[in-house]
Amino acid sequence: MRFACQKGCTKCCVRGGFVYLTESDLKRAADYLDITPREFEDRYVIRYRRVLRLRRPPRGQDHCRFLTPDGCSIHPVKPTQCRTYPFWPTIVQSNAAWAIEGNFCPGIGKGVLVQIKTARQIATELPRAFPTLNGF
């Protein structure tokens, strides 16, 4: 499997769905923005039971509040879900799934070779980070 993010591409950031956060993701983002975790949560997060996700921005804006014309404004501390893309369990489960995702993501098929064992190891981060969510 080959993958390298392509400069200027933000396709994965405008895809439908939610961006889920771990408590650690929340704290790192708050620290990066120089605000308290509580302030970050109040401004940007919805907490339902033990599940955290970023609030969607107002209608008509991009799917992620942190997406700017130059890319992710919190890129150095981006959430686990974003950091591990495209090495998600549903994508690395088969060559066919990887090829289908390649129709969407221009970085698939480019860059250095990532061994399947490494890709699947990265993919285990999502179910460990979000054990109560299905689909990871």
Protein backbone atom coordinates (compact mmCIF):
# COMPACT_ATOMS: atom_id res chain seq x y z
CA MET A 1 0.00 0.00 0.00
CA ARG A 2 1.30 3.42 -0.91
CA PHE A 3 0.05 6.67 0.55
CA ALA A 4 1.19 10.28 0.81
CA CYS A 5 -1.01 13.29 1.52
CA GLN A 6 -1.08 15.54 -1.49
CA LYS A 7 -0.33 19.22 -1.04
CA GLY A 8 -3.50 21.27 -1.06
CA CYS A 9 -5.82 18.27 -0.88
CA THR A 10 -8.49 18.42 1.82
CA LYS A 11 -10.94 15.90 0.38
CA CYS A 12 -10.93 13.80 3.55
CA CYS A 13 -11.82 16.92 5.56
CA VAL A 14 -14.98 17.73 3.62
CA ARG A 15 -16.31 14.21 3.48
CA GLY A 16 -19.59 13.60 5.25
CA GLY A 17 -19.70 12.21 8.76
CA PHE A 18 -18.37 13.23 12.13
CA VAL A 19 -14.91 13.77 13.55
CA TYR A 20 -14.67 11.87 16.81
CA LEU A 21 -12.21 12.80 19.54
CA THR A 22 -10.49 11.04 22.37
CA GLU A 23 -9.95 12.89 25.65
CA SER A 24 -6.30 13.09 24.65
CA ASP A 25 -7.22 14.62 21.26
CA LEU A 26 -9.30 17.25 23.06
CA LYS A 27 -6.49 18.16 25.46
CA ARG A 28 -3.83 18.36 22.72
CA ALA A 29 -6.02 20.60 20.57
CA ALA A 30 -6.83 22.86 23.53
CA ASP A 31 -3.15 23.16 24.43
CA TYR A 32 -2.28 23.92 20.81
CA LEU A 33 -4.92 26.68 20.70
CA ASP A 34 -3.76 27.94 24.11
CA ILE A 35 -7.16 27.50 25.74
CA THR A 36 -8.34 25.19 28.51
CA PRO A 37 -9.77 21.80 27.64
CA ARG A 38 -13.09 23.01 29.08
CA GLU A 39 -13.08 26.06 26.76
CA PHE A 40 -12.25 23.84 23.78
CA GLU A 41 -15.06 21.48 24.65
CA ASP A 42 -17.57 24.30 25.17
CA ARG A 43 -16.72 25.89 21.81
CA TYR A 44 -16.07 22.94 19.55
CA VAL A 45 -17.26 19.64 21.00
CA ILE A 46 -20.47 17.73 21.53
CA ARG A 47 -20.27 15.13 24.30
CA TYR A 48 -22.91 12.44 24.35
CA ARG A 49 -22.37 9.95 27.12
CA ARG A 50 -18.72 9.03 26.69
CA VAL A 51 -18.48 9.91 23.00
CA LEU A 52 -16.90 13.18 21.92
CA ARG A 53 -17.17 14.67 18.45
CA LEU A 54 -16.47 18.00 16.86
CA ARG A 55 -19.46 20.24 16.37
CA ARG A 56 -20.34 20.83 12.77
CA PRO A 57 -19.88 24.41 11.60
CA PRO A 58 -22.85 26.53 10.52
CA ARG A 59 -24.61 25.45 7.34
CA GLY A 60 -22.79 26.25 4.13
CA GLN A 61 -19.31 25.99 5.65
CA ASP A 62 -16.84 23.15 5.43
CA HIS A 63 -17.44 20.00 7.47
CA CYS A 64 -14.66 20.78 9.94
CA ARG A 65 -14.29 23.98 11.89
CA PHE A 66 -10.52 23.73 11.67
CA LEU A 67 -10.31 23.49 7.90
CA THR A 68 -8.93 26.64 6.29
CA PRO A 69 -8.05 27.37 2.66
CA ASP A 70 -4.48 26.40 3.61
CA GLY A 71 -5.50 23.09 5.19
CA CYS A 72 -5.95 21.95 8.77
CA SER A 73 -5.33 24.75 11.26
CA ILE A 74 -4.57 22.23 14.01
CA HIS A 75 -2.60 19.83 11.80
CA PRO A 76 0.24 19.20 14.31
CA VAL A 77 -2.34 17.92 16.84
CA LYS A 78 -5.09 16.65 14.56
CA PRO A 79 -7.45 14.06 16.05
CA THR A 80 -6.68 10.34 15.97
CA GLN A 81 -9.38 9.78 13.36
CA CYS A 82 -7.79 12.32 11.01
CA ARG A 83 -4.20 11.31 11.75
CA THR A 84 -4.80 7.65 10.91
CA TYR A 85 -6.65 8.23 7.61
CA PRO A 86 -6.63 6.37 5.21
CA PHE A 87 -5.42 3.51 7.38
CA TRP A 88 -8.85 2.79 8.81
CA PRO A 89 -9.99 -0.81 9.38
CA THR A 90 -12.70 -0.63 6.72
CA ILE A 91 -10.22 0.69 4.15
CA VAL A 92 -7.25 -1.61 4.79
CA GLN A 93 -9.35 -4.75 5.13
CA SER A 94 -8.88 -5.64 1.46
CA ASN A 95 -7.17 -4.55 -1.73
CA ALA A 96 -10.61 -3.83 -3.19
CA ALA A 97 -11.53 -1.45 -0.34
CA TRP A 98 -8.16 0.29 -0.71
CA ALA A 99 -8.70 0.66 -4.46
CA ILE A 100 -12.20 2.06 -3.97
CA GLU A 101 -10.87 4.64 -1.49
CA GLY A 102 -8.19 5.48 -4.06
CA ASN A 103 -10.97 6.74 -6.35
CA PHE A 104 -11.68 9.38 -3.69
CA CYS A 105 -8.24 10.06 -2.19
CA PRO A 106 -5.53 11.26 -4.59
CA GLY A 107 -2.78 10.31 -2.10
CA ILE A 108 -3.53 6.60 -2.30
CA GLY A 109 -1.06 4.93 -4.62
CA LYS A 110 1.55 7.64 -4.11
CA GLY A 111 4.46 7.99 -1.73
CA VAL A 112 6.45 5.38 0.12
CA LEU A 113 5.36 1.79 0.40
CA VAL A 114 3.54 1.02 3.66
CA GLN A 115 3.61 -2.66 4.51
CA ILE A 116 0.15 -4.17 5.03
CA LYS A 117 1.17 -5.23 8.53
CA THR A 118 2.01 -1.60 9.39
CA ALA A 119 -1.21 -0.31 7.79
CA ARG A 120 -3.28 -2.78 9.79
CA GLN A 121 -1.39 -1.88 12.97
CA ILE A 122 -2.26 1.80 12.42
CA ALA A 123 -5.86 0.75 11.74
CA THR A 124 -6.11 -0.83 15.20
CA GLU A 125 -5.83 2.65 16.75
CA LEU A 126 -9.41 3.57 15.85
CA PRO A 127 -11.25 0.70 17.53
CA ARG A 128 -8.96 1.08 20.55
CA ALA A 129 -9.63 4.83 20.70
CA PHE A 130 -13.38 4.49 20.09
CA PRO A 131 -14.47 1.09 21.43
CA THR A 132 -18.14 2.09 21.66
CA LEU A 133 -18.43 3.20 18.02
CA ASN A 134 -19.25 0.81 15.23
CA GLY A 135 -17.76 1.28 11.81
CA PHE A 136 -14.15 1.69 12.91
